[in-house]
Amino acid sequence: SSLAMAPAVLLAQGAEIVDLDGPLLLAADRDHPLKYDARGVHPPTPELWG
């Protein structure tokens, strides 16, 4: 889920290659999920943390 990947997104900032696309494989994710686009994954919004 996005909640599981969110800490890794923060830790992986500056890394050249990371594999954090797990939430894209889910049929449904949490409310306020991580945002993915052509540039990659974006940092989580405060709403994701609850």
N, C-alpha and C. Protein backbone atom coordinates (compact mmCIF):
# COMPACT_ATOMS: atom_id res chain seq x y z
N SER A 1 0.84 -1.19 0.00
CA SER A 1 0.00 0.00 0.00
C SER A 1 0.88 1.25 0.00
N SER A 2 0.27 2.36 -0.27
CA SER A 2 1.01 3.63 -0.24
C SER A 2 1.56 3.90 1.15
N LEU A 3 0.83 3.49 2.18
CA LEU A 3 1.31 3.71 3.55
C LEU A 3 2.59 2.90 3.81
N ALA A 4 2.70 1.73 3.24
CA ALA A 4 3.90 0.91 3.40
C ALA A 4 5.08 1.49 2.64
N MET A 5 4.84 2.09 1.48
CA MET A 5 5.91 2.64 0.65
C MET A 5 6.35 4.04 1.06
N ALA A 6 5.50 4.78 1.74
CA ALA A 6 5.78 6.19 2.05
C ALA A 6 7.10 6.39 2.80
N PRO A 7 7.43 5.60 3.83
CA PRO A 7 8.73 5.81 4.48
C PRO A 7 9.90 5.57 3.53
N ALA A 8 9.77 4.59 2.64
CA ALA A 8 10.84 4.31 1.69
C ALA A 8 11.01 5.45 0.70
N VAL A 9 9.92 6.10 0.32
CA VAL A 9 10.01 7.26 -0.59
C VAL A 9 10.87 8.33 0.06
N LEU A 10 10.66 8.57 1.33
CA LEU A 10 11.45 9.60 2.02
C LEU A 10 12.91 9.19 2.15
N LEU A 11 13.17 7.92 2.44
CA LEU A 11 14.54 7.45 2.59
C LEU A 11 15.29 7.37 1.27
N ALA A 12 14.58 7.14 0.18
CA ALA A 12 15.21 6.93 -1.12
C ALA A 12 15.46 8.22 -1.90
N GLN A 13 15.14 9.36 -1.33
CA GLN A 13 15.37 10.62 -2.03
C GLN A 13 16.85 10.73 -2.39
N GLY A 14 17.12 11.03 -3.62
CA GLY A 14 18.49 11.16 -4.08
C GLY A 14 19.07 9.87 -4.65
N ALA A 15 18.39 8.75 -4.47
CA ALA A 15 18.87 7.49 -5.04
C ALA A 15 18.61 7.50 -6.55
N GLU A 16 19.50 6.86 -7.29
CA GLU A 16 19.32 6.80 -8.74
C GLU A 16 18.22 5.84 -9.14
N ILE A 17 18.16 4.69 -8.49
CA ILE A 17 17.18 3.67 -8.85
C ILE A 17 16.53 3.13 -7.58
N VAL A 18 15.21 3.11 -7.57
CA VAL A 18 14.45 2.49 -6.48
C VAL A 18 13.26 1.75 -7.08
N ASP A 19 12.75 0.77 -6.35
CA ASP A 19 11.60 -0.01 -6.81
C ASP A 19 10.48 0.18 -5.79
N LEU A 20 9.66 1.19 -6.02
CA LEU A 20 8.59 1.53 -5.07
C LEU A 20 7.23 1.58 -5.76
N ASP A 21 7.03 0.72 -6.76
CA ASP A 21 5.78 0.77 -7.50
C ASP A 21 4.74 -0.22 -7.00
N GLY A 22 4.96 -0.82 -5.86
CA GLY A 22 4.02 -1.80 -5.31
C GLY A 22 2.58 -1.35 -5.27
N PRO A 23 2.29 -0.13 -4.80
CA PRO A 23 0.89 0.30 -4.74
C PRO A 23 0.20 0.33 -6.11
N LEU A 24 0.96 0.45 -7.18
CA LEU A 24 0.34 0.48 -8.51
C LEU A 24 -0.23 -0.89 -8.89
N LEU A 25 0.22 -1.94 -8.22
CA LEU A 25 -0.23 -3.29 -8.53
C LEU A 25 -1.49 -3.68 -7.77
N LEU A 26 -1.92 -2.85 -6.83
CA LEU A 26 -3.10 -3.14 -6.02
C LEU A 26 -4.39 -2.76 -6.75
N ALA A 27 -5.43 -3.54 -6.53
CA ALA A 27 -6.74 -3.20 -7.10
C ALA A 27 -7.28 -1.92 -6.45
N ALA A 28 -6.98 -1.73 -5.17
CA ALA A 28 -7.41 -0.53 -4.45
C ALA A 28 -6.34 -0.19 -3.41
N ASP A 29 -6.10 1.08 -3.23
CA ASP A 29 -5.10 1.56 -2.27
C ASP A 29 -5.83 2.39 -1.22
N ARG A 30 -5.09 2.91 -0.29
CA ARG A 30 -5.65 3.74 0.77
C ARG A 30 -6.16 5.07 0.21
N ASP A 31 -6.92 5.79 1.04
CA ASP A 31 -7.28 7.17 0.69
C ASP A 31 -6.00 7.99 0.66
N HIS A 32 -5.92 8.97 -0.20
CA HIS A 32 -4.76 9.86 -0.33
C HIS A 32 -3.48 9.07 -0.63
N PRO A 33 -3.48 8.26 -1.68
CA PRO A 33 -2.31 7.44 -1.99
C PRO A 33 -1.14 8.27 -2.51
N LEU A 34 0.01 7.61 -2.64
CA LEU A 34 1.17 8.25 -3.26
C LEU A 34 0.82 8.59 -4.70
N LYS A 35 1.41 9.66 -5.21
CA LYS A 35 1.17 10.08 -6.59
C LYS A 35 2.33 9.58 -7.46
N TYR A 36 1.99 8.89 -8.53
CA TYR A 36 2.97 8.41 -9.51
C TYR A 36 2.68 9.08 -10.84
N ASP A 37 3.73 9.48 -11.55
CA ASP A 37 3.58 9.99 -12.91
C ASP A 37 4.84 9.65 -13.69
N ALA A 38 5.02 10.24 -14.85
CA ALA A 38 6.16 9.93 -15.71
C ALA A 38 7.50 10.23 -15.04
N ARG A 39 7.52 11.15 -14.09
CA ARG A 39 8.77 11.49 -13.39
C ARG A 39 9.07 10.53 -12.25
N GLY A 40 8.09 9.76 -11.81
CA GLY A 40 8.30 8.82 -10.71
C GLY A 40 7.26 8.98 -9.62
N VAL A 41 7.68 8.68 -8.41
CA VAL A 41 6.78 8.77 -7.26
C VAL A 41 7.06 10.07 -6.51
N HIS A 42 6.01 10.69 -6.02
CA HIS A 42 6.14 11.96 -5.31
C HIS A 42 6.01 11.74 -3.81
N PRO A 43 6.57 12.60 -2.99
CA PRO A 43 6.47 12.45 -1.53
C PRO A 43 5.01 12.39 -1.08
N PRO A 44 4.76 11.67 0.00
CA PRO A 44 3.38 11.54 0.49
C PRO A 44 2.83 12.86 1.02
N THR A 45 1.52 12.99 0.94
CA THR A 45 0.85 14.14 1.53
C THR A 45 0.60 13.85 3.01
N PRO A 46 0.43 14.86 3.83
CA PRO A 46 0.16 14.63 5.25
C PRO A 46 -1.09 13.77 5.49
N GLU A 47 -2.07 13.85 4.59
CA GLU A 47 -3.30 13.08 4.76
C GLU A 47 -3.06 11.57 4.72
N LEU A 48 -2.03 11.12 4.03
CA LEU A 48 -1.74 9.68 3.95
C LEU A 48 -1.46 9.11 5.34
N TRP A 49 -0.80 9.88 6.17
CA TRP A 49 -0.39 9.39 7.49
C TRP A 49 -1.56 9.27 8.46
N GLY A 50 -2.71 9.85 8.10
CA GLY A 50 -3.88 9.72 8.97
C GLY A 50 -3.98 10.87 9.85
